């Protein structure tokens, strides 16, 4: 895997990876906040990685899901470097889905399959909550065995 980055102006950067282009920026006063920041993209990558796992597992389990959404929040320290202290991933699933299958899919994603969250979990606590048809179905935290 390889990415190439080039500076455009101020704090605006263009990254080329696998034939795709992604722009990054910083908030004022250094940047113009025209694009996501690197930390915002990291948070998005954390969500995307687990979402792909959960959707593929629910399909494998032949669950009739009609809607899937996530909200991911991170808290960061105020001193430099402003690292995340913890994140909370909220999964919102609608449809004819067995609660146990949803929890199993999330658990497998956040303990075995999701490489992005496995890397991040080495330094940041990742908690999660799952909502199925508007009702909380479960909660927990990422537990990768990275020994």
Protein backbone atom coordinates (compact mmCIF):
# COMPACT_ATOMS: atom_id res chain seq x y z
CA UNK A 1 0.00 0.00 0.00
CA UNK A 2 1.33 3.40 -0.93
CA UNK A 3 0.00 6.95 -0.75
CA UNK A 4 1.44 10.12 -2.27
CA UNK A 5 0.79 13.53 -0.76
CA UNK A 6 1.31 16.94 -2.30
CA UNK A 7 0.88 20.36 -0.75
CA UNK A 8 -1.48 22.76 -2.54
CA UNK A 9 -1.54 25.89 -0.37
CA UNK A 10 -1.86 26.94 3.28
CA UNK A 11 -2.79 23.61 4.97
CA UNK A 12 -4.51 22.06 1.95
CA UNK A 13 -3.04 18.75 0.82
CA UNK A 14 -3.95 16.28 -1.90
CA UNK A 15 -3.42 12.58 -1.26
CA UNK A 16 -3.42 10.06 -4.07
CA UNK A 17 -3.95 6.46 -3.04
CA UNK A 18 -4.99 3.47 -5.15
CA UNK A 19 -6.07 5.75 -8.00
CA UNK A 20 -8.26 7.94 -5.78
CA UNK A 21 -7.75 11.51 -4.64
CA UNK A 22 -8.56 12.80 -1.16
CA UNK A 23 -8.04 16.35 0.03
CA UNK A 24 -7.21 17.37 3.59
CA UNK A 25 -7.20 20.73 5.29
CA UNK A 26 -6.84 22.24 8.75
CA UNK A 27 -9.14 24.64 10.55
CA UNK A 28 -8.34 28.36 10.75
CA UNK A 29 -6.08 30.16 11.43
CA UNK A 30 -3.67 27.88 9.54
CA UNK A 31 -6.08 26.28 7.11
CA UNK A 32 -9.48 27.08 5.68
CA UNK A 33 -11.42 23.95 6.75
CA UNK A 34 -12.42 23.30 3.12
CA UNK A 35 -11.81 19.56 3.52
CA UNK A 36 -11.69 17.06 6.37
CA UNK A 37 -8.69 17.09 8.66
CA UNK A 38 -6.46 14.02 9.00
CA UNK A 39 -8.07 13.18 12.37
CA UNK A 40 -11.55 13.50 10.86
CA UNK A 41 -10.51 11.13 8.09
CA UNK A 42 -9.13 8.70 10.69
CA UNK A 43 -12.48 8.73 12.50
CA UNK A 44 -14.23 8.18 9.16
CA UNK A 45 -11.90 5.28 8.38
CA UNK A 46 -12.67 3.70 11.73
CA UNK A 47 -16.39 3.84 10.93
CA UNK A 48 -15.97 2.65 7.35
CA UNK A 49 -13.85 -0.34 8.32
CA UNK A 50 -16.28 -1.72 10.89
CA UNK A 51 -19.33 -0.84 8.78
CA UNK A 52 -18.01 -2.95 5.90
CA UNK A 53 -17.44 -5.87 8.28
CA UNK A 54 -20.86 -5.62 9.92
CA UNK A 55 -22.76 -5.28 6.63
CA UNK A 56 -20.92 -8.22 5.06
CA UNK A 57 -21.50 -10.41 8.12
CA UNK A 58 -25.19 -9.52 8.34
CA UNK A 59 -25.55 -10.42 4.66
CA UNK A 60 -23.69 -13.69 5.29
CA UNK A 61 -26.12 -14.38 8.17
CA UNK A 62 -29.00 -13.69 5.72
CA UNK A 63 -30.41 -10.85 7.81
CA UNK A 64 -32.99 -8.60 6.10
CA UNK A 65 -31.48 -5.24 6.89
CA UNK A 66 -33.18 -2.18 5.40
CA UNK A 67 -31.06 0.63 6.84
CA UNK A 68 -27.60 1.02 8.37
CA UNK A 69 -26.08 4.19 9.78
CA UNK A 70 -23.25 5.00 12.16
CA UNK A 71 -22.30 7.93 14.31
CA UNK A 72 -18.76 7.93 15.65
CA UNK A 73 -17.52 10.42 18.22
CA UNK A 74 -14.05 10.96 19.62
CA UNK A 75 -12.79 12.87 22.62
CA UNK A 76 -9.28 14.30 22.45
CA UNK A 77 -6.93 15.80 24.99
CA UNK A 78 -6.34 19.56 24.81
CA UNK A 79 -2.54 19.32 25.07
CA UNK A 80 -0.19 18.53 22.18
CA UNK A 81 -0.36 16.06 20.58
CA UNK A 82 -4.15 16.22 20.71
CA UNK A 83 -4.70 12.47 20.61
CA UNK A 84 -8.04 10.76 21.02
CA UNK A 85 -8.67 9.51 24.54
CA UNK A 86 -11.64 7.35 23.57
CA UNK A 87 -14.18 6.89 20.84
CA UNK A 88 -17.80 5.77 20.84
CA UNK A 89 -19.27 4.02 17.81
CA UNK A 90 -23.04 4.01 17.54
CA UNK A 91 -24.55 1.53 15.06
CA UNK A 92 -28.14 2.15 13.94
CA UNK A 93 -29.71 -0.82 12.17
CA UNK A 94 -33.25 -1.19 10.86
CA UNK A 95 -34.97 -4.26 9.47
CA UNK A 96 -35.67 -7.89 10.21
CA UNK A 97 -32.37 -8.49 11.98
CA UNK A 98 -31.78 -10.84 14.91
CA UNK A 99 -30.28 -8.91 17.81
CA UNK A 100 -27.81 -11.72 18.53
CA UNK A 101 -26.58 -11.69 14.92
CA UNK A 102 -26.05 -7.91 15.01
CA UNK A 103 -24.08 -8.14 18.27
CA UNK A 104 -22.03 -11.05 16.91
CA UNK A 105 -21.19 -9.10 13.73
CA UNK A 106 -20.06 -6.05 15.72
CA UNK A 107 -18.08 -8.20 18.15
CA UNK A 108 -16.29 -10.01 15.30
CA UNK A 109 -15.51 -6.72 13.59
CA UNK A 110 -14.13 -5.14 16.77
CA UNK A 111 -12.22 -8.18 18.00
CA UNK A 112 -10.97 -9.91 14.85
CA UNK A 113 -11.56 -8.38 11.41
CA UNK A 114 -11.27 -4.57 11.34
CA UNK A 115 -7.60 -3.73 10.85
CA UNK A 116 -8.10 0.04 11.17
CA UNK A 117 -9.76 -0.28 14.58
CA UNK A 118 -7.26 -2.95 15.64
CA UNK A 119 -4.43 -0.46 15.06
CA UNK A 120 -6.22 2.44 16.73
CA UNK A 121 -7.30 0.31 19.71
CA UNK A 122 -3.67 -0.07 20.74
CA UNK A 123 -3.77 3.54 21.98
CA UNK A 124 -7.45 4.53 22.12
CA UNK A 125 -10.36 2.88 23.92
CA UNK A 126 -13.12 2.10 21.42
CA UNK A 127 -16.60 1.69 22.90
CA UNK A 128 -19.74 0.82 20.96
CA UNK A 129 -23.52 0.77 21.21
CA UNK A 130 -25.90 -0.95 18.82
CA UNK A 131 -29.48 0.17 18.18
CA UNK A 132 -31.83 -2.18 16.40
CA UNK A 133 -35.09 -0.66 15.16
CA UNK A 134 -34.64 2.23 17.59
CA UNK A 135 -33.98 0.08 20.68
CA UNK A 136 -30.56 -0.49 22.23
CA UNK A 137 -29.50 -4.03 21.40
CA UNK A 138 -26.10 -4.09 23.09
CA UNK A 139 -22.92 -2.32 23.97
CA UNK A 140 -19.30 -3.10 24.62
CA UNK A 141 -15.77 -2.20 23.67
CA UNK A 142 -13.24 -3.31 21.08
CA UNK A 143 -11.21 -6.23 22.35
CA UNK A 144 -8.54 -7.21 19.85
CA UNK A 145 -5.98 -9.82 20.91
CA UNK A 146 -2.88 -8.27 19.34
CA UNK A 147 -0.23 -10.24 21.21
